C-alpha atoms as a PDB file:
ATOM      1  CA  MET A   1      -0.150  -0.265   0.013  1.00  0.00           C
ATOM      2  CA  VAL A   2       2.493   2.387   0.873  1.00  0.00           C
ATOM      3  CA  GLN A   3       4.571   1.549  -2.692  1.00  0.00           C
ATOM      4  CA  SER A   4       1.560   2.247  -4.625  1.00  0.00           C
ATOM      5  CA  GLN A   5       1.331   5.936  -2.445  1.00  0.00           C
ATOM      6  CA  LEU A   6       4.695   6.464  -3.392  1.00  0.00           C
ATOM      7  CA  LYS A   7       3.906   5.349  -6.603  1.00  0.00           C
ATOM      8  CA  VAL A   8       0.915   8.092  -7.103  1.00  0.00           C
ATOM      9  CA  LYS A   9       3.505  10.899  -4.970  1.00  0.00           C
ATOM     10  CA  GLU A  10       6.046  10.398  -7.170  1.00  0.00           C
ATOM     11  CA  VAL A  11       3.836  10.597 -10.181  1.00  0.00           C
ATOM     12  CA  GLN A  12       2.441  13.879  -8.380  1.00  0.00           C
ATOM     13  CA  VAL A  13       5.824  15.500  -8.166  1.00  0.00           C
ATOM     14  CA  LYS A  14       7.222  15.307 -11.930  1.00  0.00           C
ATOM     15  CA  SER A  15       4.087  16.431 -13.544  1.00  0.00           C
ATOM     16  CA  LEU A  16       4.648  19.256 -10.946  1.00  0.00           C
ATOM     17  CA  GLU A  17       7.526  20.191 -13.887  1.00  0.00           C
ATOM     18  CA  THR A  18       4.267  19.979 -16.992  1.00  0.00           C
ATOM     19  CA  GLN A  19       2.927  22.288 -14.237  1.00  0.00           C
ATOM     20  CA  ALA A  20       5.742  24.823 -13.893  1.00  0.00           C
ATOM     21  CA  ALA A  21       6.293  24.956 -17.313  1.00  0.00           C
ATOM     22  CA  LYS A  22       1.935  26.032 -17.995  1.00  0.00           C
ATOM     23  CA  LEU A  23       2.824  28.642 -15.443  1.00  0.00           C
ATOM     24  CA  ARG A  24       5.436  30.044 -17.448  1.00  0.00           C
ATOM     25  CA  ASP A  25       4.095  30.626 -19.729  1.00  0.00           C
ATOM     26  CA  VAL A  26       0.282  32.613 -17.758  1.00  0.00           C
ATOM     27  CA  ASP A  27       2.812  35.369 -15.227  1.00  0.00           C
ATOM     28  CA  PRO A  28       6.922  35.008 -16.387  1.00  0.00           C
ATOM     29  CA  ASP A  29       7.488  36.780 -13.640  1.00  0.00           C
ATOM     30  CA  LYS A  30       7.124  34.200 -11.527  1.00  0.00           C
ATOM     31  CA  GLU A  31       9.606  31.629 -12.547  1.00  0.00           C
ATOM     32  CA  GLN A  32      11.940  32.171  -9.718  1.00  0.00           C
ATOM     33  CA  LEU A  33       8.998  31.700  -7.210  1.00  0.00           C
ATOM     34  CA  LEU A  34       7.746  28.559  -9.094  1.00  0.00           C
ATOM     35  CA  SER A  35      11.461  27.100  -9.287  1.00  0.00           C
ATOM     36  CA  SER A  36      12.113  27.315  -5.677  1.00  0.00           C
ATOM     37  CA  ARG A  37       8.396  25.657  -5.259  1.00  0.00           C
ATOM     38  CA  LYS A  38       9.421  22.497  -6.590  1.00  0.00           C
ATOM     39  CA  ILE A  39      13.062  22.327  -5.755  1.00  0.00           C
ATOM     40  CA  GLU A  40      11.695  22.384  -2.168  1.00  0.00           C
ATOM     41  CA  VAL A  41       9.179  19.345  -3.057  1.00  0.00           C
ATOM     42  CA  GLU A  42      11.474  17.394  -5.135  1.00  0.00           C
ATOM     43  CA  GLU A  43      14.655  18.192  -1.461  1.00  0.00           C
ATOM     44  CA  ARG A  44      11.356  17.145   1.229  1.00  0.00           C
ATOM     45  CA  PHE A  45       9.247  14.377  -1.544  1.00  0.00           C
ATOM     46  CA  ASN A  46      13.318  12.842  -1.452  1.00  0.00           C
ATOM     47  CA  ARG A  47      13.916  12.871   2.204  1.00  0.00           C
ATOM     48  CA  LEU A  48      10.851  10.926   3.428  1.00  0.00           C
ATOM     49  CA  LEU A  49      11.670   8.362   0.488  1.00  0.00           C
ATOM     50  CA  ALA A  50      15.220   8.046   1.889  1.00  0.00           C
ATOM     51  CA  PRO A  51      14.674   6.040   5.422  1.00  0.00           C
ATOM     52  CA  LEU A  52      12.007   4.048   3.499  1.00  0.00           C
ATOM     53  CA  ILE A  53      14.199   3.474   0.749  1.00  0.00           C
ATOM     54  CA  GLU A  54      16.642   2.480   3.847  1.00  0.00           C
ATOM     55  CA  ARG A  55      13.588   0.328   5.675  1.00  0.00           C
ATOM     56  CA  ARG A  56      13.041  -1.595   2.353  1.00  0.00           C
ATOM     57  CA  GLN A  57      17.143  -1.956   1.885  1.00  0.00           C
ATOM     58  CA  LYS A  58      16.741  -3.339   5.220  1.00  0.00           C
ATOM     59  CA  LEU A  59      13.570  -5.627   5.162  1.00  0.00           C
ATOM     60  CA  ASP A  60      14.739  -7.310   1.872  1.00  0.00           C
ATOM     61  CA  GLN A  61      18.366  -8.381   4.002  1.00  0.00           C
ATOM     62  CA  PHE A  62      16.816  -9.862   6.402  1.00  0.00           C
ATOM     63  CA  LYS A  63      13.960 -11.470   3.781  1.00  0.00           C
ATOM     64  CA  ARG A  64      16.937 -13.351   2.834  1.00  0.00           C
ATOM     65  CA  VAL A  65      18.929 -14.582   5.671  1.00  0.00           C
ATOM     66  CA  GLN A  66      15.681 -16.269   6.424  1.00  0.00           C
ATOM     67  CA  GLN A  67      15.382 -17.798   2.832  1.00  0.00           C
ATOM     68  CA  VAL A  68      18.126 -18.868   3.825  1.00  0.00           C
ATOM     69  CA  SER A  69      18.004 -20.067   7.261  1.00  0.00           C
ATOM     70  CA  LYS A  70      15.017 -21.866   6.243  1.00  0.00           C
ATOM     71  CA  TYR A  71      16.728 -23.533   3.495  1.00  0.00           C
ATOM     72  CA  LYS A  72      19.566 -24.393   5.737  1.00  0.00           C
ATOM     73  CA  GLN A  73      17.130 -26.212   8.157  1.00  0.00           C
ATOM     74  CA  CYS A  74      15.925 -28.254   5.600  1.00  0.00           C
ATOM     75  CA  ILE A  75      19.147 -29.260   4.355  1.00  0.00           C
ATOM     76  CA  ASP A  76      19.976 -30.162   7.636  1.00  0.00           C
ATOM     77  CA  ASN A  77      16.449 -32.093   8.096  1.00  0.00           C
ATOM     78  CA  ILE A  78      17.398 -33.552   5.005  1.00  0.00           C
ATOM     79  CA  ALA A  79      20.334 -35.504   5.950  1.00  0.00           C
ATOM     80  CA  TYR A  80      19.750 -35.417   9.381  1.00  0.00           C
ATOM     81  CA  GLY A  81      17.222 -38.389   8.523  1.00  0.00           C
ATOM     82  CA  SER A  82      19.467 -40.024   6.148  1.00  0.00           C
ATOM     83  CA  ILE A  83      21.813 -41.091   9.008  1.00  0.00           C
ATOM     84  CA  LYS A  84      18.417 -42.492  10.804  1.00  0.00           C
END
């Protein structure tokens, strides 16, 4: 769910460029303001995104460790079963 919301926000942030271009045509005097606002929004989005990416990497790493542990358990069970 978070990923789908994140993708929606990412599209919205990217659409700011299109909106800014249209606004520049309407009111060229506000170009500097639009530029600074766009940068602020992108920076904020990236600050919010960074911890989520880090969390995702930790979860993926944990998942790999768990998979290896389960695989090792299966191998141990097979080896122990053949000794009986």
